[in-house]
């Protein structure tokens, strides 16, 4: 597993692409891309481009880890 270079959610940009999602989660770029195609992942489509709003990504991550109630 790769280590994330980000130490806090505050360091993230407002929108994340698949490469950045992979870096934050410490997974391969292809895994980040596959994750963004999952039905329950909070993706915003802008034309043919897919991005993830920072706040939705944080919410998703907390839900996946059991942190959100």
Foldseek 3Di string as FASTA:
>chain_A
DAAAPDDDLVPDDQKAALQNQCNRVVHDSVVSVVVQPDPPQQWDDDPPGIIHGSVSNVVVVCVVVVNDD
